[in-house]
Each structure stands twice: as structure tokens, then as C-alpha cells.
């Protein structure tokens, strides 16, 4: 049985996030997939406005159900670690932007005498201009959620 975790703010949900969810779903092999979504309080520290947690949760749930016919367990992240410190997982799916956090999780787990979680790195999805798709770029109107460049008038 595979137990897989992935976490983030996921606002707005873009193709980079979908790549993370796709890899996490593949690794879960139909077993247990846990998606941590940052709480409103944690997300408030971002550089841009973020939708309410319940809205972000529903968008993620809809994507997972529509794409994979899956209903993963979604948990609220009130800290950068979520359940990954106390619970065992086979994989932690991350992007290059969150890889350092995964290493911190494994360091903390080692301090507690726990086995490390395998870190599965998913490369960033690039927009049409060759730069990474990011929520900030989408919200600034540079690109859409698929990485297509938007025309400015």
C-alpha cells in the first residue's frame, strides 16, 4: 500500500499544480493520497490574495475527481509540516520550489527517530515564454493557468 502526500496553497490552480497532483496520484497507485492545503492564515503570508480554504479545497477536489475519479483526503495545513512529521508516508511529492521544505521534514523526522520519506521531485511546468508557470504570474495577468502568454493592450 502506497501512502503519498503533496501540499501547497494551490491558488489559482494551474498546470504546474496539476503536474504535482498527477504524479502524486500515479505514486499512490490507487491507495492513499493526502493533499495538504495551506490554511487561510498561512496563505495570508503570500504576496498575493488567496481564495478561502474551502474554495481552494473544492477546486482541488473537483480536479481530482474529474481527472482521476479520485477523492483524496484533503487536510488543512496550519504549519509547514502538516501530518508528515507524525505520520509515515512512502512519498512526498514536491516541486523545486518546495524541495527544501521536504528536506526539512526529513531532518525533523530523523531527529524524532523516524524513517525519511522518499522525496519525489516534479519539475516545474514552463509557460510559453520558457519561464515557470506560477500563481503569481497568473494573478499578475502575464499568463493563464495553462502557461499561455496573455496579450497586454
N, C-alpha and C. Protein backbone atom coordinates (compact mmCIF):
# COMPACT_ATOMS: atom_id res chain seq x y z
N UNK A 1 0.85 -1.19 0.00
CA UNK A 1 0.00 0.00 0.00
C UNK A 1 0.88 1.24 0.00
N UNK A 2 0.61 2.15 -0.92
CA UNK A 2 1.37 3.40 -1.01
C UNK A 2 0.62 4.52 -0.31
N UNK A 3 1.38 5.31 0.41
CA UNK A 3 0.82 6.49 1.08
C UNK A 3 1.62 7.69 0.59
N UNK A 4 0.90 8.64 -0.05
CA UNK A 4 1.56 9.75 -0.72
C UNK A 4 1.01 11.07 -0.20
N UNK A 5 1.91 12.05 -0.03
CA UNK A 5 1.50 13.38 0.42
C UNK A 5 2.01 14.43 -0.55
N UNK A 6 1.20 15.47 -0.74
CA UNK A 6 1.60 16.64 -1.50
C UNK A 6 0.92 17.84 -0.83
N UNK A 7 1.59 18.97 -0.81
CA UNK A 7 0.99 20.12 -0.13
C UNK A 7 1.31 21.42 -0.83
N UNK A 8 0.45 22.41 -0.57
CA UNK A 8 0.66 23.73 -1.13
C UNK A 8 -0.54 24.62 -0.92
N UNK A 9 -0.49 25.80 -1.51
CA UNK A 9 -1.60 26.74 -1.41
C UNK A 9 -2.60 26.52 -2.54
N UNK A 10 -2.08 26.23 -3.73
CA UNK A 10 -2.89 25.87 -4.89
C UNK A 10 -3.93 26.94 -5.24
N UNK A 11 -3.43 28.18 -5.42
CA UNK A 11 -4.31 29.29 -5.76
C UNK A 11 -3.60 30.27 -6.68
N UNK A 12 -4.08 30.46 -7.89
CA UNK A 12 -5.09 29.64 -8.55
C UNK A 12 -4.49 28.31 -9.00
N UNK A 13 -5.33 27.33 -9.16
CA UNK A 13 -4.88 26.00 -9.59
C UNK A 13 -4.42 26.11 -11.05
N UNK A 14 -3.15 25.78 -11.30
CA UNK A 14 -2.60 25.88 -12.65
C UNK A 14 -1.95 24.57 -13.06
N UNK A 15 -1.44 24.52 -14.29
CA UNK A 15 -0.90 23.27 -14.82
C UNK A 15 0.30 22.75 -14.03
N UNK A 16 1.04 23.62 -13.38
CA UNK A 16 2.13 23.15 -12.51
C UNK A 16 1.60 22.35 -11.33
N UNK A 17 0.54 22.86 -10.71
CA UNK A 17 -0.10 22.13 -9.62
C UNK A 17 -0.65 20.79 -10.13
N UNK A 18 -1.26 20.84 -11.30
CA UNK A 18 -1.86 19.62 -11.86
C UNK A 18 -0.79 18.56 -12.12
N UNK A 19 0.43 18.98 -12.50
CA UNK A 19 1.54 18.03 -12.68
C UNK A 19 1.90 17.37 -11.35
N UNK A 20 1.90 18.15 -10.26
CA UNK A 20 2.16 17.58 -8.93
C UNK A 20 1.09 16.57 -8.56
N UNK A 21 -0.17 16.93 -8.75
CA UNK A 21 -1.28 16.03 -8.41
C UNK A 21 -1.24 14.77 -9.26
N UNK A 22 -0.90 14.92 -10.53
CA UNK A 22 -0.83 13.75 -11.41
C UNK A 22 0.23 12.78 -10.94
N UNK A 23 1.42 13.30 -10.61
CA UNK A 23 2.49 12.41 -10.14
C UNK A 23 2.12 11.79 -8.79
N UNK A 24 1.54 12.57 -7.91
CA UNK A 24 1.12 12.04 -6.61
C UNK A 24 0.09 10.92 -6.79
N UNK A 25 -0.86 11.13 -7.68
CA UNK A 25 -1.87 10.11 -7.94
C UNK A 25 -1.23 8.84 -8.50
N UNK A 26 -0.29 9.00 -9.44
CA UNK A 26 0.40 7.84 -10.01
C UNK A 26 1.13 7.06 -8.93
N UNK A 27 1.83 7.76 -8.05
CA UNK A 27 2.59 7.09 -7.00
C UNK A 27 1.69 6.41 -5.96
N UNK A 28 0.51 6.98 -5.76
CA UNK A 28 -0.41 6.39 -4.76
C UNK A 28 -0.95 5.06 -5.24
N UNK A 29 -0.91 4.83 -6.55
CA UNK A 29 -1.34 3.55 -7.11
C UNK A 29 -2.74 3.16 -6.64
N UNK A 30 -3.60 4.17 -6.51
CA UNK A 30 -4.97 3.91 -6.07
C UNK A 30 -5.11 3.71 -4.58
N UNK A 31 -4.01 3.86 -3.84
CA UNK A 31 -4.07 3.69 -2.39
C UNK A 31 -4.36 5.04 -1.73
N UNK A 32 -3.52 5.47 -0.80
CA UNK A 32 -3.84 6.67 -0.03
C UNK A 32 -3.07 7.89 -0.50
N UNK A 33 -3.82 8.92 -0.89
CA UNK A 33 -3.26 10.19 -1.31
C UNK A 33 -3.81 11.28 -0.40
N UNK A 34 -2.89 12.01 0.24
CA UNK A 34 -3.28 13.09 1.13
C UNK A 34 -2.76 14.39 0.54
N UNK A 35 -3.66 15.34 0.35
CA UNK A 35 -3.30 16.65 -0.17
C UNK A 35 -3.48 17.67 0.95
N UNK A 36 -2.37 18.31 1.31
CA UNK A 36 -2.43 19.36 2.31
C UNK A 36 -2.57 20.70 1.62
N UNK A 37 -3.55 21.47 2.06
CA UNK A 37 -3.76 22.81 1.52
C UNK A 37 -3.56 23.81 2.65
N UNK A 38 -2.71 24.80 2.41
CA UNK A 38 -2.40 25.76 3.46
C UNK A 38 -3.66 26.47 3.96
N UNK A 39 -3.70 26.68 5.25
CA UNK A 39 -4.82 27.37 5.89
C UNK A 39 -4.88 28.82 5.40
N UNK A 40 -6.00 29.45 5.65
CA UNK A 40 -6.12 30.87 5.28
C UNK A 40 -5.04 31.69 5.98
N UNK A 41 -4.74 31.35 7.23
CA UNK A 41 -3.74 32.10 8.00
C UNK A 41 -2.36 31.96 7.37
N UNK A 42 -1.98 30.74 7.02
CA UNK A 42 -0.67 30.53 6.38
C UNK A 42 -0.63 31.17 5.00
N UNK A 43 -1.71 31.01 4.25
CA UNK A 43 -1.76 31.56 2.89
C UNK A 43 -1.74 33.09 2.91
N UNK A 44 -2.17 33.68 4.01
CA UNK A 44 -2.18 35.13 4.13
C UNK A 44 -0.81 35.74 4.08
N UNK A 45 0.22 34.90 4.22
CA UNK A 45 1.60 35.38 4.18
C UNK A 45 2.14 35.45 2.75
N UNK A 46 1.31 35.10 1.78
CA UNK A 46 1.71 35.13 0.37
C UNK A 46 1.79 36.58 -0.11
N UNK A 47 2.35 36.73 -1.31
CA UNK A 47 2.49 38.07 -1.90
C UNK A 47 1.24 38.52 -2.64
N UNK A 48 0.23 37.66 -2.66
CA UNK A 48 -0.99 37.98 -3.39
C UNK A 48 -2.19 37.46 -2.62
N UNK A 49 -3.37 37.95 -2.98
CA UNK A 49 -4.59 37.49 -2.33
C UNK A 49 -4.83 36.02 -2.67
N UNK A 50 -5.42 35.31 -1.71
CA UNK A 50 -5.67 33.89 -1.87
C UNK A 50 -7.13 33.61 -1.53
N UNK A 51 -7.75 32.75 -2.33
CA UNK A 51 -9.13 32.35 -2.07
C UNK A 51 -9.24 31.65 -0.71
N UNK A 52 -10.44 31.64 -0.16
CA UNK A 52 -10.70 30.96 1.10
C UNK A 52 -10.35 29.47 0.98
N UNK A 53 -9.93 28.87 2.09
CA UNK A 53 -9.52 27.47 2.12
C UNK A 53 -10.60 26.55 1.56
N UNK A 54 -11.85 26.77 1.92
CA UNK A 54 -12.93 25.90 1.45
C UNK A 54 -13.07 25.98 -0.07
N UNK A 55 -12.87 27.14 -0.64
CA UNK A 55 -12.95 27.31 -2.10
C UNK A 55 -11.79 26.56 -2.75
N UNK A 56 -10.57 26.75 -2.23
CA UNK A 56 -9.41 26.06 -2.78
C UNK A 56 -9.56 24.54 -2.65
N UNK A 57 -10.08 24.09 -1.53
CA UNK A 57 -10.31 22.66 -1.32
C UNK A 57 -11.26 22.11 -2.37
N UNK A 58 -12.35 22.81 -2.63
CA UNK A 58 -13.34 22.33 -3.59
C UNK A 58 -12.76 22.28 -5.01
N UNK A 59 -11.96 23.26 -5.36
CA UNK A 59 -11.34 23.28 -6.69
C UNK A 59 -10.41 22.08 -6.86
N UNK A 60 -9.62 21.79 -5.83
CA UNK A 60 -8.72 20.64 -5.88
C UNK A 60 -9.52 19.34 -5.95
N UNK A 61 -10.55 19.23 -5.11
CA UNK A 61 -11.39 18.03 -5.12
C UNK A 61 -12.02 17.82 -6.49
N UNK A 62 -12.54 18.89 -7.09
CA UNK A 62 -13.16 18.79 -8.41
C UNK A 62 -12.15 18.31 -9.44
N UNK A 63 -10.95 18.88 -9.41
CA UNK A 63 -9.92 18.45 -10.37
C UNK A 63 -9.59 16.97 -10.19
N UNK A 64 -9.38 16.54 -8.96
CA UNK A 64 -9.00 15.14 -8.72
C UNK A 64 -10.12 14.18 -9.13
N UNK A 65 -11.35 14.55 -8.86
CA UNK A 65 -12.46 13.69 -9.23
C UNK A 65 -12.67 13.67 -10.75
N UNK A 66 -12.66 14.85 -11.36
CA UNK A 66 -12.89 14.94 -12.80
C UNK A 66 -11.76 14.29 -13.61
N UNK A 67 -10.54 14.38 -13.13
CA UNK A 67 -9.38 13.87 -13.87
C UNK A 67 -9.10 12.40 -13.59
N UNK A 68 -9.20 12.00 -12.31
CA UNK A 68 -8.79 10.65 -11.93
C UNK A 68 -9.91 9.82 -11.31
N UNK A 69 -11.10 10.42 -11.18
CA UNK A 69 -12.19 9.76 -10.47
C UNK A 69 -11.73 9.37 -9.05
N UNK A 70 -10.97 10.26 -8.45
CA UNK A 70 -10.38 10.02 -7.13
C UNK A 70 -10.87 11.07 -6.14
N UNK A 71 -10.99 10.65 -4.90
CA UNK A 71 -11.36 11.56 -3.80
C UNK A 71 -10.30 11.46 -2.71
N UNK A 72 -9.19 12.18 -2.88
CA UNK A 72 -8.13 12.11 -1.88
C UNK A 72 -8.55 12.74 -0.56
N UNK A 73 -7.85 12.40 0.48
CA UNK A 73 -8.05 13.05 1.77
C UNK A 73 -7.39 14.42 1.68
N UNK A 74 -8.15 15.46 1.97
CA UNK A 74 -7.58 16.81 1.96
C UNK A 74 -7.55 17.32 3.39
N UNK A 75 -6.37 17.78 3.80
CA UNK A 75 -6.19 18.28 5.16
C UNK A 75 -5.76 19.74 5.10
N UNK A 76 -6.09 20.46 6.16
CA UNK A 76 -5.68 21.87 6.27
C UNK A 76 -4.29 21.93 6.90
N UNK A 77 -3.41 22.66 6.27
CA UNK A 77 -2.06 22.84 6.80
C UNK A 77 -2.00 24.12 7.61
N UNK A 78 -1.78 23.97 8.90
CA UNK A 78 -1.62 25.13 9.78
C UNK A 78 -0.17 25.43 10.08
N UNK A 79 0.72 24.57 9.57
CA UNK A 79 2.15 24.77 9.72
C UNK A 79 2.82 24.18 8.47
N UNK A 80 4.11 24.43 8.28
CA UNK A 80 4.76 23.97 7.05
C UNK A 80 4.94 22.45 6.95
N UNK A 81 4.64 21.71 8.01
CA UNK A 81 4.91 20.28 8.02
C UNK A 81 3.66 19.41 7.85
N UNK A 82 2.53 19.88 8.37
CA UNK A 82 1.31 19.07 8.29
C UNK A 82 1.51 17.72 8.95
N UNK A 83 0.88 16.68 8.42
CA UNK A 83 0.97 15.36 9.04
C UNK A 83 2.28 14.62 8.75
N UNK A 84 3.18 15.22 7.96
CA UNK A 84 4.38 14.49 7.54
C UNK A 84 5.40 14.26 8.65
N UNK A 85 5.27 14.95 9.75
CA UNK A 85 6.20 14.73 10.86
C UNK A 85 5.75 13.53 11.70
N UNK A 86 4.47 13.47 11.99
CA UNK A 86 3.94 12.43 12.88
C UNK A 86 3.53 11.15 12.17
N UNK A 87 3.14 11.26 10.91
CA UNK A 87 2.64 10.10 10.19
C UNK A 87 3.66 9.63 9.15
N UNK A 88 3.60 8.36 8.82
CA UNK A 88 4.52 7.80 7.83
C UNK A 88 3.91 7.86 6.43
N UNK A 89 4.75 8.19 5.47
CA UNK A 89 4.37 8.26 4.08
C UNK A 89 5.46 7.58 3.26
N UNK A 90 5.08 7.06 2.10
CA UNK A 90 6.06 6.48 1.20
C UNK A 90 6.70 7.56 0.32
N UNK A 91 5.89 8.54 -0.07
CA UNK A 91 6.37 9.59 -0.96
C UNK A 91 5.86 10.95 -0.53
N UNK A 92 6.71 11.95 -0.73
CA UNK A 92 6.34 13.34 -0.59
C UNK A 92 6.63 13.99 -1.94
N UNK A 93 5.59 14.43 -2.62
CA UNK A 93 5.73 14.98 -3.97
C UNK A 93 5.92 16.49 -3.87
N UNK A 94 7.00 16.97 -4.49
CA UNK A 94 7.37 18.39 -4.37
C UNK A 94 7.80 18.96 -5.71
N UNK A 95 7.83 20.27 -5.78
CA UNK A 95 8.40 20.99 -6.92
C UNK A 95 9.77 21.51 -6.48
N UNK A 96 10.57 22.01 -7.41
CA UNK A 96 11.85 22.60 -6.99
C UNK A 96 11.67 23.72 -5.95
N UNK A 97 10.52 24.41 -6.00
CA UNK A 97 10.27 25.49 -5.05
C UNK A 97 10.01 24.97 -3.64
N UNK A 98 9.53 23.74 -3.50
CA UNK A 98 9.19 23.20 -2.18
C UNK A 98 10.12 22.07 -1.75
N UNK A 99 11.13 21.78 -2.57
CA UNK A 99 12.04 20.67 -2.24
C UNK A 99 12.76 20.90 -0.92
N UNK A 100 13.21 22.13 -0.65
CA UNK A 100 13.91 22.40 0.61
C UNK A 100 13.04 22.07 1.82
N UNK A 101 11.74 22.38 1.73
CA UNK A 101 10.82 22.07 2.82
C UNK A 101 10.77 20.56 3.04
N UNK A 102 10.81 19.78 1.98
CA UNK A 102 10.79 18.32 2.11
C UNK A 102 12.03 17.83 2.85
N UNK A 103 13.17 18.44 2.57
CA UNK A 103 14.40 18.05 3.27
C UNK A 103 14.31 18.44 4.76
N UNK A 104 13.69 19.58 5.05
CA UNK A 104 13.47 19.96 6.45
C UNK A 104 12.57 18.95 7.16
N UNK A 105 11.56 18.48 6.45
CA UNK A 105 10.66 17.47 7.02
C UNK A 105 11.46 16.22 7.37
N UNK A 106 12.30 15.76 6.45
CA UNK A 106 13.08 14.55 6.72
C UNK A 106 14.10 14.76 7.83
N UNK A 107 14.66 15.96 7.92
CA UNK A 107 15.58 16.26 9.02
C UNK A 107 14.85 16.17 10.36
N UNK A 108 13.68 16.75 10.41
CA UNK A 108 12.87 16.72 11.64
C UNK A 108 12.47 15.28 11.97
N UNK A 109 12.11 14.50 10.97
CA UNK A 109 11.75 13.10 11.18
C UNK A 109 12.95 12.33 11.75
N UNK A 110 14.14 12.59 11.21
CA UNK A 110 15.35 11.91 11.69
C UNK A 110 15.60 12.25 13.16
N UNK A 111 15.38 13.51 13.53
CA UNK A 111 15.55 13.92 14.93
C UNK A 111 14.61 13.14 15.85
N UNK A 112 13.46 12.76 15.31
CA UNK A 112 12.46 12.02 16.08
C UNK A 112 12.63 10.51 15.96
N UNK A 113 13.68 10.09 15.24
CA UNK A 113 13.94 8.66 15.08
C UNK A 113 13.03 7.99 14.05
N UNK A 114 12.45 8.77 13.16
CA UNK A 114 11.55 8.22 12.13
C UNK A 114 12.29 8.06 10.81
N UNK A 115 11.80 7.13 10.00
CA UNK A 115 12.35 6.91 8.67
C UNK A 115 12.08 8.12 7.77
N UNK A 116 12.99 8.42 6.86
CA UNK A 116 12.74 9.52 5.93
C UNK A 116 11.63 9.15 4.94
N UNK A 117 11.00 10.16 4.39
CA UNK A 117 10.01 9.99 3.33
C UNK A 117 10.74 10.19 2.01
N UNK A 118 10.49 9.31 1.03
CA UNK A 118 11.10 9.48 -0.28
C UNK A 118 10.57 10.76 -0.91
N UNK A 119 11.48 11.61 -1.36
CA UNK A 119 11.11 12.88 -1.99
C UNK A 119 11.04 12.67 -3.49
N UNK A 120 9.87 12.91 -4.04
CA UNK A 120 9.65 12.78 -5.48
C UNK A 120 9.56 14.19 -6.07
N UNK A 121 10.59 14.56 -6.83
CA UNK A 121 10.67 15.90 -7.40
C UNK A 121 9.98 15.94 -8.76
N UNK A 122 9.05 16.86 -8.92
CA UNK A 122 8.36 17.09 -10.18
C UNK A 122 8.87 18.42 -10.72
N UNK A 123 9.43 18.39 -11.90
CA UNK A 123 9.98 19.61 -12.47
C UNK A 123 8.88 20.65 -12.72
N UNK A 124 9.26 21.91 -12.71
CA UNK A 124 8.32 22.99 -12.97
C UNK A 124 7.79 22.88 -14.39
N UNK A 125 6.54 23.24 -14.57
CA UNK A 125 5.93 23.29 -15.89
C UNK A 125 6.19 24.69 -16.44
N UNK A 126 6.67 24.73 -17.67
CA UNK A 126 7.05 26.02 -18.25
C UNK A 126 5.91 26.63 -19.05
N UNK A 127 5.85 27.94 -18.97
CA UNK A 127 4.88 28.71 -19.76
C UNK A 127 5.43 28.87 -21.18
N UNK A 128 4.63 29.49 -22.02
CA UNK A 128 5.00 29.69 -23.42
C UNK A 128 6.28 30.48 -23.61
N UNK A 129 6.67 31.27 -22.62
CA UNK A 129 7.90 32.06 -22.72
C UNK A 129 9.11 31.33 -22.15
N UNK A 130 8.92 30.05 -21.75
CA UNK A 130 10.04 29.28 -21.22
C UNK A 130 10.30 29.48 -19.74
N UNK A 131 9.55 30.37 -19.12
CA UNK A 131 9.67 30.59 -17.68
C UNK A 131 8.61 29.75 -16.96
N UNK A 132 8.83 29.41 -15.69
CA UNK A 132 7.87 28.56 -14.98
C UNK A 132 6.49 29.20 -14.81
N UNK A 133 5.48 28.34 -14.90
CA UNK A 133 4.12 28.76 -14.54
C UNK A 133 4.12 28.96 -13.03
N UNK A 134 3.55 30.05 -12.57
CA UNK A 134 3.41 30.29 -11.13
C UNK A 134 2.10 31.01 -10.87
N UNK A 135 1.60 30.83 -9.68
CA UNK A 135 0.37 31.51 -9.29
C UNK A 135 0.54 33.02 -9.40
N UNK A 136 1.69 33.53 -9.00
CA UNK A 136 1.94 34.96 -9.05
C UNK A 136 1.84 35.46 -10.49
N UNK A 137 2.45 34.75 -11.42
CA UNK A 137 2.41 35.17 -12.82
C UNK A 137 0.98 35.14 -13.36
N UNK A 138 0.21 34.13 -12.95
CA UNK A 138 -1.19 34.05 -13.39
C UNK A 138 -1.96 35.25 -12.84
N UNK A 139 -1.80 35.51 -11.55
CA UNK A 139 -2.54 36.60 -10.92
C UNK A 139 -2.12 37.98 -11.43
N UNK A 140 -0.88 38.10 -11.89
CA UNK A 140 -0.42 39.37 -12.47
C UNK A 140 -0.91 39.55 -13.90
N UNK A 141 -1.52 38.50 -14.46
CA UNK A 141 -2.04 38.59 -15.81
C UNK A 141 -1.01 38.38 -16.90
N UNK A 142 0.18 37.87 -16.54
CA UNK A 142 1.21 37.59 -17.54
C UNK A 142 0.85 36.37 -18.38
N UNK A 143 0.29 35.34 -17.70
CA UNK A 143 -0.03 34.06 -18.33
C UNK A 143 -1.37 33.58 -17.81
N UNK A 144 -1.95 32.60 -18.50
CA UNK A 144 -3.15 31.96 -17.96
C UNK A 144 -2.73 30.71 -17.19
N UNK A 145 -3.67 29.97 -16.65
CA UNK A 145 -3.36 28.81 -15.81
C UNK A 145 -2.69 27.68 -16.59
N UNK A 146 -2.69 27.77 -17.91
CA UNK A 146 -2.03 26.76 -18.75
C UNK A 146 -0.66 27.23 -19.23
N UNK A 147 -0.27 28.44 -18.87
CA UNK A 147 1.02 28.96 -19.26
C UNK A 147 1.03 29.71 -20.57
N UNK A 148 -0.15 29.95 -21.13
CA UNK A 148 -0.23 30.73 -22.36
C UNK A 148 0.00 32.20 -22.05
N UNK A 149 0.82 32.84 -22.86
CA UNK A 149 1.08 34.26 -22.65
C UNK A 149 -0.16 35.06 -22.98
N UNK A 150 -0.44 36.04 -22.12
CA UNK A 150 -1.63 36.88 -22.34
C UNK A 150 -1.19 38.16 -23.01
N UNK A 151 -1.97 38.59 -23.95
CA UNK A 151 -1.68 39.82 -24.68
C UNK A 151 -2.07 41.02 -23.83
N UNK A 152 -1.17 41.96 -23.69
CA UNK A 152 -1.49 43.21 -22.98
C UNK A 152 -1.71 44.30 -24.01
N UNK A 153 -2.75 45.06 -23.76
CA UNK A 153 -3.07 46.13 -24.73
C UNK A 153 -2.56 47.45 -24.27
